[in-house]
Structures are given as structure tokens and as C-alpha cells.
Amino acid sequence: MLDGWSAIREEEELKNDGHIVDKTVKMHEADDTKIVPSPAAANSRSSSRRKTAEEMKKESLVRDLNPIQNIICLDSEESENPDGEEVVESSKSQGNKRRKHKEKKKDKLTPTYPTPGNEMKFDALFPIIGDFGPYQKRVYLLLCLPAICCAMHKLAWVFLGAKIDHRCLLPVEFENNATYDHLPLGIWPNMTFPPDPKNSKVPWDSCSRLEVNFSDPSYFQEGIPSNKAISCDGKFVYDFSKYQSSARLDYDLKCKRTFLYTNAQNLFMVGIMLGSIVFGDLSDRFGRRPVFFFSLVLQVVFGILAGLAPEYWTFVIARMIVGSSTSGIFLVGYVIAMEMVGPSRRTFVGVACQLFFTAGYIVTALFAYFIRDWKILQIALSLPGLVFLSYYWFLPESVRWLLARGRRDEAKAILKNVALENKVVLTEDVYENLSAEEPSEKKSTSILAIFRYRRLGLRAINIFFNWFVNSGVYYGLSLNTSNLGGNDYLNFTIAGLVEVPAYTFLLISLQRFGRKIVLCGCMLAGGAFMMACAIVPDEPDWNWVVITFAMIGKMCITASYGVIYIFTAESFPTVVRNGGVGASSMFARVGGIVANSLLILGEIWKPLPLLIFGSASLLAGLLALCIPETFGKQLPETLEDGENFGLRDAKDADLDDLTGGREEHNKDDKVPSTS
């Protein structure tokens, strides 16, 4: 009896390894069943490899966990009936089974093509055409290049509206030969100008002078300054040693009109916010491609108009439209690129796209260094858009959007080009059965509905605050480089270069440490370095320390800004996910507006904006610890799921990891723009 069980046990082990074995003879008696191995089984046993104790233990465990047995129907020349006739598998049947086993293994590596009448989803194409083949790489590169122009327009205000030091023109000076640093002989600064109330290190107030009778020599001999200050009456002497021109100078955005200088950049940020809303909706209605080119035209036309604007409001409105166009170009182009990339490459592609924005950061500094006239600089930043208009003849529409709109013929033509360039073959059945992804049956819900749930509402507020801080600190540090001291062009370039290690870090860390640890760690570290700027001595010899700390803070906030996109999309339930990300983006733009207004405080105390940015980063980083980790978790779909998200016990989380839930969930992850 034991020998019979051993034979069957070994035959089942061989069956699990892909070997074909003979059936055993089952002899049934009235009250007892005897199982006797057939001679063919004995021969098979003696010729097969021997199992180690560890292997047999593992296979026995697998059989215990999976009690479903495979039933194999054998064709035999010699067979016995169930009452005791032996069944011997023919050599022909053995050959057929070996062939079927090989074909089954091959099928695992070969894409499955649809049969006529069966629909095929677009994502099912990627195993055939490749996740990131030559065609996708070419289109992706073409769409990333305009991001350079978007970065130039977003960050150029540092040089377009550069601060040029100035003082009042004295009655005894002539405008054509007066210099900023030198006063006429015998006239002392403390007897001519009141001290600057905002900055004690500046030798005089830049917007007023003392009421003095310069024809009376006794005033300067007595050494008692006048106690009455008067305005400069629109006559100034400027320091052109660093900048030759500025919108701040041409549109008189100084002294009592300083608020107009701040508003110029604030309205540009408003344009970015409106563009993300308007162009996002238009791209869904009319297609990605036409909106992309319409945005390009707006950017070129109104970018040039901003450089030619004769007065302030024309300039501001033109730049606001340019700001909106950056959303249409960058975001819509990003969508086109991501919709053609397979799941396995989306994380890399999403992060790599940001490096082109960083390249625009550095190119802006180069343009500004060689072009010192701000109007020519504005036009020079806009002209490269003309090159990208040539994309009209070879940039394709999104295949996903075409399928969703039922324009199958156009989608088919594009896919033929994809197959040709990627050197793959798409059968006619693929084209005929390809369909768009089915829309979710769940209705979308208003984003306001999340506030009916306490935990979900508090989490949303936390996320909104993190977006507000990330965007505010990012743009605040980017636009504050001219207030750090030292060389403005070098500071600006370094601020762009530190983004490269930030994005490299994301590529390495996101799939290892999750979202929350990376987000919180970067914000806390960045906040600490920015706050440390406040304790650095305010001396020229220590200025490099302030710049170093500020740049490390910039690197950290760049990384956290990249994480918050993914973290947000995964934290909101499916029914409000789009609305949640959209609302978060609006808070980000508000953060950019507030940060731009805070930069004025740097004129009072240089580290003050950095101290505020650092404090906000520390607070947001600590609050982010309250957001549940999403890496490797089943994402919430309903509002109830969102309310209970993060409350599962450790056993459920461990079970997800053991069953591969983590890998399945994160294969579609991607990183959006920090722009």
C-alpha cells in the first residue's frame, strides 16, 4: 500500500514539473481501495530525476494549498475499464502533451492578438508595439522640447523686472553726467538723503531726499541734517552696472507704484491657473493636437507683444495670456506623450520630462546674461516657439482621444506609423477590434462632497495646504535668487542645476521608500536649511553660506513638488480624483501668488522670505505625516473608501504585499510636472 502511494506521489511531482507520466491503475474493492502503480509508471519513476527533500516539501505544500487536480484524458492502445483494466498512455499521446506544454510556455511570451469580434483595449497594444519604442521616443522628445520655452517664460521675470538701484537726482546734478555712487563735491549723503527705513545697509532712501537749500554752504558746514523729506519728483539716478534696463524702470514700478511690480507677476500666475482650467477642458473637447498648436500661437504672438508693449497694462495682459499658454503647451503636450507610453516606463518618462523644464531654467540665465535689454530678451524668449510650429506637419493626435471620439480611421493610420517605425506587425484584426477604454460606470462626484466625511475632508485640506506650500516655496526660491546677494546669473543657474539631482533622487526613491517618506523627508530637510539662513551672519564673507543653504532647500522642495502629484492622485477616491487634483493645482497657483508678494520682505531683511518659506515647509512636512501611505495599497474608489483609507490593519497590508498587489498597483505610476 505504501509503495502504491509513493508511486502516485512521485508521478504527481513529475506532472507538476511538466513531465508526462502514465496513469496508475485504481482497483476498487467493496470496503477498501488499493492503488497500484502501472509498469510504465515504474519505468518513468526510475528514469526521472530525483527530488530533493526540500523540493518535495515545497510541492507537497503547493498541493495542499491547491487541492484542485488536473484531469488528463489519455488516448491509449492498451486500456482497462474502471473495474481494474490498466490504462497505458500511448507514445503518440505523450508527444502531443509535450508539444502542448511547449506551446503553453511560448504563449506566455507572445502577445495575444484578438480574434474577430473580440474588442481589444488600447493598453493591450503595448506588449505588441512596445512600452517605449522608437516611435514613442521620437514623439516624446519633440513634445518635451517646448517645455524649455515654457520654463523660460515662467522664470524670466527675475530678469525682465530686475531691480535697478536708484536715488533722487539732486538739483545741483545734471541727468546726463550724474552717477549713482558719487555725489557732487562737498555734498554728504547723510546731509542729503534720509536713511532707508527698510534696509539700514543702504546708504540712502531710494525714493526721497531731504529738503535742502543747496545754494547755502552753511547747511553742510553746520552738519545738522534737515528733518523734512520730499519726493524725488520723478527724477532719478540709476545704477546700470548690473542691468541696463528693466520693466520696473520703463513702467515706473518703484516707490509708491511698487505694488504694480508685484501685481505683474501675480497676474502671470493667474494666467497659468486659468490656462490649466481652460485648455484642459478644450483638449478634452476638441483634441490634444489643435489645443497644443493654438497655445503655441498664443505664446509666440503675445510674447512678442509683451516685448513691444508701450505701457504697463498692455504688457501685463500680454504676459498673462503667455502664462495661460504655458499650461496649454506643457500640460497638453505632456498628456499626448504619456498616452503613448506603456505602464512600465511612465515613472521614468514623467520625471525625465521635468529635466527639460530644468534645461529651460538654465537657458533663461544664458539668454539674460547675453541680452541685457529686457524688451529684446522678452522677444528672444518668444521666437523659439516659431520652430515648434513646424510640428504641425508631423505631430500626431492622441490615439486614445481619437478612439474615445470614434475616429477609428485616423487612429488606425497613426498606429500603422507606430508599427512601421517600431518594426512590429499589427494584424488587421487588431485595427478592427481596437476600442477605447470603457468609461467608468461610477458617476463622478463634486469635490465638495468630500467634506461630508470628517477624515477625508481633513486629509483633503492637508493635501491642499501641501500644494500651496510646495508651489509657493518653489516659485518663491526661484524668483528670489536676485535677493540672495552675489552674482544674480550664477545664483539663478545654480537654482536650476540643483533640480537635476532632485529628479534623479525621485527615480531611485519612489519605488523603494514610498510617497509619504520621500515627501515628508524632503520638505522637512528643505525647511530646515531655509530656516538656517536666518542664523547665518549678515556679512559679505558669509553670503556663500546663505546661497548654499537656499540652494539645498530648493533641491529638496523640487523633489517634494514632484512627489505631491503622485501622492495626491492616489489619495483621492476615484469618483473625485480629477476634481481633487484640479483643486490642488488651484491652491498651488495661489501659493505662487502669495510667495511672489512675500519677496518684497527681502528688502526689509534678506533672510526673511527664506525664514517664512522654511517655516511653511516644516509645518507642511509634519502635517503630511498624517496622510496615509498609498504606495502598494489598493486605492480608494468611493467616498466611503476614502474615509476608511489607511485604517486597514497590518495583516491586510501584508496580504496585499504577498499577493503582488503592490507591484500591480504601481506599474502605472507617473510623475507630473512641477511646473
Foldseek 3Di string as FASTA:
>chain_A
DVVQVVLVLVCVVCVVVLADFWDWWWADDDPDTDTHGDPRSVVVVVPDDDDDPVSSVVVVVVCVVPVDDDDDDADAPAFDDNNTGHGTHDPVRNVVSSVVVVVVVVVVLDQDFDDPPAFDEPLSCCSFLHQCFPVLVVLLVLLLQCLLLLLLLLQLQLQQAPDWQKAADDPVDDQVPDAGPDDPPLDDLVQWAPADPQDNVDSHHRFKIADDDPVDSVSSVVPDHHPHIDGSVPGMHTHPPFFPDHPCVLQVCDDVNVVLSLVLSLLLLVLLLVLLVVLVVVCLVPFLVVLQLVLLVLLQVLLLQLLVPNYSVSNSVSSSSNSSSSNSSNVSSLVLSLLSGHLQCFAVSQLVSQLSSLVSLLVSLVLCVVDRYSSVSSNVSNVVSVVSSVCVVPNATRLLSCQVVVVLVSSVVVVVVSCVSSVGDDDPSNSVNYHHDDDDPDAADAPVVLVVFPQSVVLLVLLLLLLLLLLLLLLLLLSLQVLLDDRSSVLSNLLSVLQVVLSVCCVPPCQPPFQLCLLLVLLLQLLVLLQVLVVQDPDPVRSVSNSVSSSSSNSSSSNNLQSSLQLLLQLDAQSCSVVSSSSSVVSNSVSNSVSSVCSVSCSNPVSVSSNVSSVSSNVSSVSSVSRATRQLDDGHHDSVCSSCPPVDDPVVSVVSVVVVSRVVVNSNDHTHHSD
